[in-house]
Protein backbone atom coordinates (compact mmCIF):
# COMPACT_ATOMS: atom_id res chain seq x y z
CA MET A 1 -136.83 -9.64 -45.44
CA LEU A 2 -137.17 -13.36 -45.43
CA LYS A 3 -140.53 -14.56 -44.24
CA MET A 4 -140.48 -16.50 -40.98
CA VAL A 5 -140.60 -19.89 -42.67
CA GLY A 6 -137.83 -18.93 -45.09
CA ALA A 7 -135.66 -17.61 -42.27
CA VAL A 8 -136.08 -20.83 -40.29
CA MET A 9 -135.24 -22.92 -43.35
CA CYS A 10 -132.13 -20.84 -44.06
CA THR A 11 -131.03 -21.02 -40.43
CA THR A 12 -131.51 -24.79 -40.40
CA GLY A 13 -129.67 -24.99 -43.72
CA VAL A 14 -126.70 -23.09 -42.30
CA TYR A 15 -126.54 -25.46 -39.32
CA LEU A 16 -126.84 -28.62 -41.40
CA GLY A 17 -124.50 -27.28 -44.08
CA ALA A 18 -121.84 -26.56 -41.48
CA LEU A 19 -122.20 -30.07 -40.07
CA ALA A 20 -121.97 -31.55 -43.59
CA ALA A 21 -118.81 -29.51 -44.21
CA GLY A 22 -117.17 -31.14 -41.20
CA ALA A 23 -117.77 -28.55 -38.50
CA SER A 24 -118.38 -29.66 -34.95
CA ALA A 25 -121.84 -29.19 -33.45
CA ALA A 26 -120.59 -26.15 -31.52
CA GLU A 27 -119.12 -24.59 -34.68
CA ALA A 28 -122.34 -25.27 -36.59
CA PHE A 29 -124.35 -23.68 -33.74
CA ALA A 30 -122.09 -20.62 -33.88
CA ALA A 31 -122.49 -20.37 -37.67
CA MET A 32 -126.25 -20.62 -37.31
CA TYR A 33 -126.39 -17.80 -34.76
CA LEU A 34 -124.02 -15.61 -36.76
CA TRP A 35 -126.39 -16.04 -39.73
CA THR A 36 -129.30 -15.09 -37.46
CA ALA A 37 -127.43 -11.98 -36.32
CA ALA A 38 -126.67 -10.94 -39.90
CA VAL A 39 -130.29 -11.31 -41.04
CA THR A 40 -131.55 -9.48 -37.96
CA VAL A 41 -129.14 -6.56 -38.46
CA LYS A 42 -130.19 -6.36 -42.12
CA PHE A 43 -133.82 -6.19 -41.02
CA ALA A 44 -133.05 -3.50 -38.43
CA LEU A 45 -131.15 -1.31 -40.88
CA THR A 46 -133.30 -1.70 -43.97
CA GLU A 47 -136.86 -2.52 -42.96
CA CYS A 48 -137.68 -1.42 -39.41
CA ASP A 49 -138.61 2.12 -40.39
CA ALA A 50 -140.87 0.96 -43.21
CA VAL A 51 -142.89 -1.34 -40.96
CA GLY A 52 -142.81 0.85 -37.87
CA VAL A 53 -140.72 -1.41 -35.68
CA PRO A 54 -138.26 0.15 -33.20
CA LYS A 55 -134.69 -0.85 -34.04
CA PHE A 56 -133.78 -1.68 -30.46
CA GLY A 57 -135.47 -5.10 -30.43
CA PRO A 58 -133.85 -6.53 -33.57
CA LEU A 59 -130.45 -5.08 -32.68
CA ALA A 60 -130.70 -6.53 -29.16
CA TRP A 61 -131.58 -9.90 -30.68
CA ALA A 62 -128.56 -9.64 -32.99
CA GLY A 63 -126.33 -8.88 -30.00
CA LEU A 64 -127.71 -11.87 -28.13
CA SER A 65 -127.17 -14.06 -31.19
CA ILE A 66 -123.54 -12.96 -31.41
CA ALA A 67 -123.08 -13.66 -27.70
CA LEU A 68 -124.53 -17.16 -28.13
CA ALA A 69 -122.24 -17.82 -31.09
CA ALA A 70 -119.22 -16.69 -29.10
CA ALA A 71 -120.23 -18.80 -26.10
CA ALA A 72 -120.55 -21.87 -28.33
CA LEU A 73 -116.96 -21.43 -29.49
CA MET A 74 -115.48 -21.07 -26.01
């Protein structure tokens, strides 16, 4: 998985890239949190077992990220 610094840079890049592409701030926020959800689900499904992390936490965070993205678009 991406290291913490890499994940933050990618998340920031998604937000700024969306703004540069003409998205509104709310749309860019939603894109950023959808990216966060995707990376978190990937971690939960591919790496949690290897590092001994319960899957509930990352999947809950992904669900919260999706909810935040949806709320930004309402």
